[in-house]
Amino acid sequence: MREAYQNSATNSLNAKALEAQERHHNEQAKTPESKALFQQATTTGKLAKRNEVKARTNFEKQGKQHNTRFCSLSQTHDTTFQSHKITKEHCHGGKHNGVNCIKIMEKAEELFTAFASEIKLKKIPTVGDEVIKSKCHQHANLLGLLDEIWANVRGIQVDAGLLPTQLQLESLEKATSKAKALWLQMELGTKQPKWHVTLDGHLLHQIKFYGGIADKSNDP
């Protein structure tokens, strides 16, 4: 796709130069033949420009979807994901859907141990191995805590609408508090309201208020 875009850009540039040349020739000669050649060059130039725009759009779309290069770290991570039967769904624009996100949370420790090894092989010289190990460990812990939060929420749902026990509420509150502290420590920014709902106490409040979310899950 990159090569097709580069070729189309070159063709468009050449067509533009030919059009300018035929325009100048037609202005000098002013014959039916020169006019026909100029019109043909204009048509060719417009077609070349459309092809260039189309090729550029395809190339940029592909880049945004995959955001990767051949033998890149992203591709290496994808191989690790696939070895754990975690895939990027076409219907989600090349992103992990909910089912795969749950798998990532459940296997966070195992995945990020592998990620740390892969990153070390491709890291820049100024980044130490311990920094990489620490960052990956933090991400694994955070995903583990999020899994614990939602396991508590799902567990309450599975209890056929029964009120959550005090032990479940305490477990959920503890996991939410630890996850928020780690999120802030890692300085993760987000504009996603769902993270604020989860970590700022609203989810816990709603579960306490409704006695579990059950069929009222749309609100929390």
Protein backbone atom coordinates (compact mmCIF):
# COMPACT_ATOMS: atom_id res chain seq x y z
CA MET A 1 0.00 0.00 0.00
CA ARG A 2 2.85 2.36 0.75
CA GLU A 3 4.41 1.61 -2.64
CA ALA A 4 1.06 2.09 -4.40
CA TYR A 5 0.65 5.47 -2.68
CA GLN A 6 4.19 6.56 -3.62
CA ASN A 7 3.69 5.51 -7.24
CA SER A 8 0.33 7.27 -7.49
CA ALA A 9 1.86 10.44 -6.03
CA THR A 10 4.65 10.32 -8.65
CA ASN A 11 2.12 9.72 -11.45
CA SER A 12 0.02 12.65 -10.23
CA LEU A 13 3.07 14.91 -10.16
CA ASN A 14 4.07 13.88 -13.69
CA ALA A 15 0.51 14.35 -14.95
CA LYS A 16 0.42 17.83 -13.42
CA ALA A 17 3.68 18.74 -15.15
CA LEU A 18 2.37 17.40 -18.49
CA GLU A 19 -0.84 19.38 -18.08
CA ALA A 20 1.14 22.59 -17.47
CA GLN A 21 3.27 21.83 -20.52
CA GLU A 22 0.26 21.24 -22.79
CA ARG A 23 -1.47 24.35 -21.46
CA HIS A 24 1.56 26.44 -22.40
CA HIS A 25 1.76 24.74 -25.80
CA ASN A 26 -1.95 25.34 -26.48
CA GLU A 27 -1.66 29.00 -25.51
CA GLN A 28 1.16 29.36 -28.04
CA ALA A 29 -0.21 27.22 -30.90
CA LYS A 30 -3.98 27.65 -30.49
CA THR A 31 -4.78 24.80 -32.88
CA PRO A 32 -7.48 22.10 -32.58
CA GLU A 33 -4.71 19.55 -32.08
CA SER A 34 -3.06 21.49 -29.24
CA LYS A 35 -6.47 22.06 -27.61
CA ALA A 36 -7.24 18.31 -27.78
CA LEU A 37 -3.88 17.42 -26.27
CA PHE A 38 -4.42 19.94 -23.47
CA GLN A 39 -7.90 18.57 -22.71
CA GLN A 40 -6.52 15.02 -22.68
CA ALA A 41 -3.72 16.07 -20.31
CA THR A 42 -6.28 17.76 -18.04
CA THR A 43 -8.42 14.60 -17.91
CA THR A 44 -5.35 12.47 -17.22
CA GLY A 45 -4.27 14.86 -14.45
CA LYS A 46 -7.67 14.71 -12.73
CA LEU A 47 -7.69 10.91 -12.90
CA ALA A 48 -4.15 10.72 -11.52
CA LYS A 49 -5.08 13.05 -8.66
CA ARG A 50 -8.15 10.93 -7.77
CA ASN A 51 -5.98 7.82 -7.77
CA GLU A 52 -3.45 9.55 -5.52
CA VAL A 53 -6.15 10.60 -3.03
CA LYS A 54 -7.63 7.10 -3.00
CA ALA A 55 -4.23 5.47 -2.49
CA ARG A 56 -3.34 7.91 0.30
CA THR A 57 -6.69 7.27 2.05
CA ASN A 58 -6.17 3.51 1.90
CA PHE A 59 -2.62 3.82 3.16
CA GLU A 60 -3.53 6.11 6.08
CA LYS A 61 -6.52 3.95 7.01
CA GLN A 62 -4.34 0.85 7.09
CA GLY A 63 -1.79 2.68 9.23
CA LYS A 64 -4.38 3.85 11.73
CA GLN A 65 -5.96 0.41 12.02
CA HIS A 66 -2.75 -1.48 12.62
CA ASN A 67 -0.30 1.21 13.76
CA THR A 68 2.51 -1.20 13.19
CA ARG A 69 5.57 -1.87 11.08
CA PHE A 70 7.02 -5.12 9.80
CA CYS A 71 8.74 -7.01 12.65
CA SER A 72 7.66 -4.25 15.05
CA LEU A 73 7.07 -4.66 18.77
CA SER A 74 3.32 -4.39 18.15
CA GLN A 75 3.43 -7.41 15.84
CA THR A 76 5.48 -9.34 18.39
CA HIS A 77 2.85 -8.60 21.04
CA ASP A 78 0.12 -9.74 18.65
CA THR A 79 1.89 -13.09 18.31
CA THR A 80 1.91 -13.42 22.10
CA PHE A 81 -1.79 -12.55 22.24
CA GLN A 82 -2.58 -15.14 19.58
CA SER A 83 -0.66 -17.84 21.44
CA HIS A 84 -3.17 -17.29 24.29
CA LYS A 85 -6.13 -17.33 21.86
CA ILE A 86 -6.59 -13.56 22.19
CA THR A 87 -7.35 -11.89 18.87
CA LYS A 88 -8.23 -8.48 17.48
CA GLU A 89 -11.73 -8.49 16.03
CA HIS A 90 -12.42 -7.17 12.52
CA CYS A 91 -15.81 -5.82 13.62
CA HIS A 92 -14.03 -3.67 16.23
CA GLY A 93 -11.66 -2.07 13.71
CA GLY A 94 -8.71 -4.22 14.68
CA LYS A 95 -9.19 -3.84 18.45
CA HIS A 96 -9.85 -6.31 21.24
CA ASN A 97 -13.54 -6.77 22.00
CA GLY A 98 -15.03 -7.40 25.44
CA VAL A 99 -14.41 -11.16 25.43
CA ASN A 100 -10.74 -10.67 24.56
CA CYS A 101 -10.38 -7.88 27.13
CA ILE A 102 -11.59 -10.30 29.82
CA LYS A 103 -9.00 -12.84 28.66
CA ILE A 104 -6.29 -10.16 28.85
CA MET A 105 -7.29 -9.27 32.42
CA GLU A 106 -7.38 -12.92 33.46
CA LYS A 107 -3.95 -13.62 31.93
CA ALA A 108 -2.39 -10.24 32.69
CA GLU A 109 0.52 -11.58 34.77
CA GLU A 110 1.48 -14.15 32.16
CA LEU A 111 1.07 -11.76 29.23
CA PHE A 112 3.05 -8.89 30.70
CA THR A 113 5.89 -11.19 31.74
CA ALA A 114 6.19 -12.10 28.05
CA PHE A 115 5.76 -8.46 27.00
CA ALA A 116 8.62 -7.40 29.28
CA SER A 117 10.97 -9.89 27.61
CA GLU A 118 9.89 -8.74 24.15
CA ILE A 119 10.33 -5.06 25.01
CA LYS A 120 13.83 -5.64 26.40
CA LEU A 121 14.94 -7.05 23.04
CA LYS A 122 13.77 -3.91 21.17
CA LYS A 123 14.31 -1.18 23.78
CA ILE A 124 16.32 1.96 23.21
CA PRO A 125 19.73 2.03 25.00
CA THR A 126 18.75 4.71 27.53
CA VAL A 127 15.95 2.61 29.06
CA GLY A 128 16.98 0.11 31.72
CA ASP A 129 15.62 -3.42 32.04
CA GLU A 130 14.36 -2.75 35.56
CA VAL A 131 12.23 0.17 34.34
CA ILE A 132 10.60 -2.09 31.75
CA LYS A 133 10.07 -4.86 34.29
CA SER A 134 8.52 -2.42 36.77
CA LYS A 135 6.17 -0.84 34.20
CA CYS A 136 4.97 -4.22 32.95
CA HIS A 137 4.45 -5.41 36.52
CA GLN A 138 2.33 -2.32 37.25
CA HIS A 139 0.16 -2.89 34.18
CA ALA A 140 -0.30 -6.55 35.09
CA ASN A 141 -1.30 -5.58 38.64
CA LEU A 142 -3.73 -2.94 37.42
CA LEU A 143 -5.44 -5.32 35.00
CA GLY A 144 -5.58 -7.93 37.75
CA LEU A 145 -7.32 -5.45 40.05
CA LEU A 146 -9.80 -4.47 37.32
CA ASP A 147 -10.51 -8.17 36.81
CA GLU A 148 -11.12 -8.51 40.55
CA ILE A 149 -13.50 -5.53 40.49
CA TRP A 150 -15.58 -6.90 37.65
CA ALA A 151 -15.43 -10.45 39.00
CA ASN A 152 -17.08 -9.11 42.17
CA VAL A 153 -19.70 -7.25 40.13
CA ARG A 154 -20.39 -10.25 37.90
CA GLY A 155 -20.45 -12.52 40.94
CA ILE A 156 -23.18 -10.44 42.53
CA GLN A 157 -25.17 -10.63 39.29
CA VAL A 158 -24.84 -14.39 39.11
CA ASP A 159 -26.41 -14.75 42.56
CA ALA A 160 -29.86 -14.50 40.93
CA GLY A 161 -30.51 -11.00 42.24
CA LEU A 162 -29.59 -11.80 45.87
CA LEU A 163 -28.23 -8.94 47.94
CA PRO A 164 -24.42 -8.70 47.95
CA THR A 165 -22.78 -9.89 51.14
CA GLN A 166 -20.72 -7.59 53.31
CA LEU A 167 -17.65 -9.62 52.34
CA GLN A 168 -18.31 -8.98 48.62
CA LEU A 169 -18.76 -5.26 49.22
CA GLU A 170 -15.56 -5.06 51.27
CA SER A 171 -13.65 -6.97 48.58
CA LEU A 172 -14.99 -4.67 45.87
CA GLU A 173 -14.20 -1.53 47.87
CA LYS A 174 -10.66 -2.71 48.59
CA ALA A 175 -9.96 -3.64 44.97
CA THR A 176 -11.38 -0.32 43.70
CA SER A 177 -9.30 1.69 46.16
CA LYS A 178 -6.08 -0.16 45.24
CA ALA A 179 -6.81 0.14 41.51
CA LYS A 180 -7.41 3.90 41.77
CA ALA A 181 -4.20 4.41 43.75
CA LEU A 182 -2.20 2.42 41.19
CA TRP A 183 -3.87 4.24 38.28
CA LEU A 184 -2.83 7.61 39.76
CA GLN A 185 0.66 6.33 40.60
CA MET A 186 1.12 5.26 36.97
CA GLU A 187 -0.13 8.70 35.85
CA LEU A 188 -2.57 7.20 33.37
CA GLY A 189 -4.76 9.86 31.80
CA THR A 190 -8.13 9.15 30.20
CA LYS A 191 -11.16 10.89 28.82
CA GLN A 192 -13.27 7.74 29.13
CA PRO A 193 -16.14 8.34 31.60
CA LYS A 194 -16.38 4.60 32.32
CA TRP A 195 -13.05 4.68 34.19
CA HIS A 196 -14.24 7.48 36.45
CA VAL A 197 -17.49 5.59 37.08
CA THR A 198 -15.46 2.53 38.09
CA LEU A 199 -12.65 4.11 40.12
CA ASP A 200 -14.25 7.21 41.67
CA GLY A 201 -16.70 5.31 43.83
CA HIS A 202 -19.88 5.52 41.74
CA LEU A 203 -19.91 1.81 40.88
CA LEU A 204 -19.50 0.82 44.53
CA HIS A 205 -22.16 3.32 45.61
CA GLN A 206 -24.68 1.99 43.10
CA ILE A 207 -24.12 -1.61 44.11
CA LYS A 208 -24.64 -0.66 47.75
CA PHE A 209 -27.67 1.49 46.91
CA TYR A 210 -29.39 -1.09 44.72
CA GLY A 211 -28.20 -4.14 46.60
CA GLY A 212 -26.29 -5.38 43.57
CA ILE A 213 -26.78 -4.28 39.99
CA ALA A 214 -28.67 -7.34 38.60
CA ASP A 215 -31.15 -6.11 35.98
CA LYS A 216 -30.42 -2.48 36.93
CA SER A 217 -26.99 -2.73 35.35
CA ASN A 218 -27.64 0.07 32.82
CA ASP A 219 -27.25 2.74 35.48
CA PRO A 220 -23.90 1.74 37.05
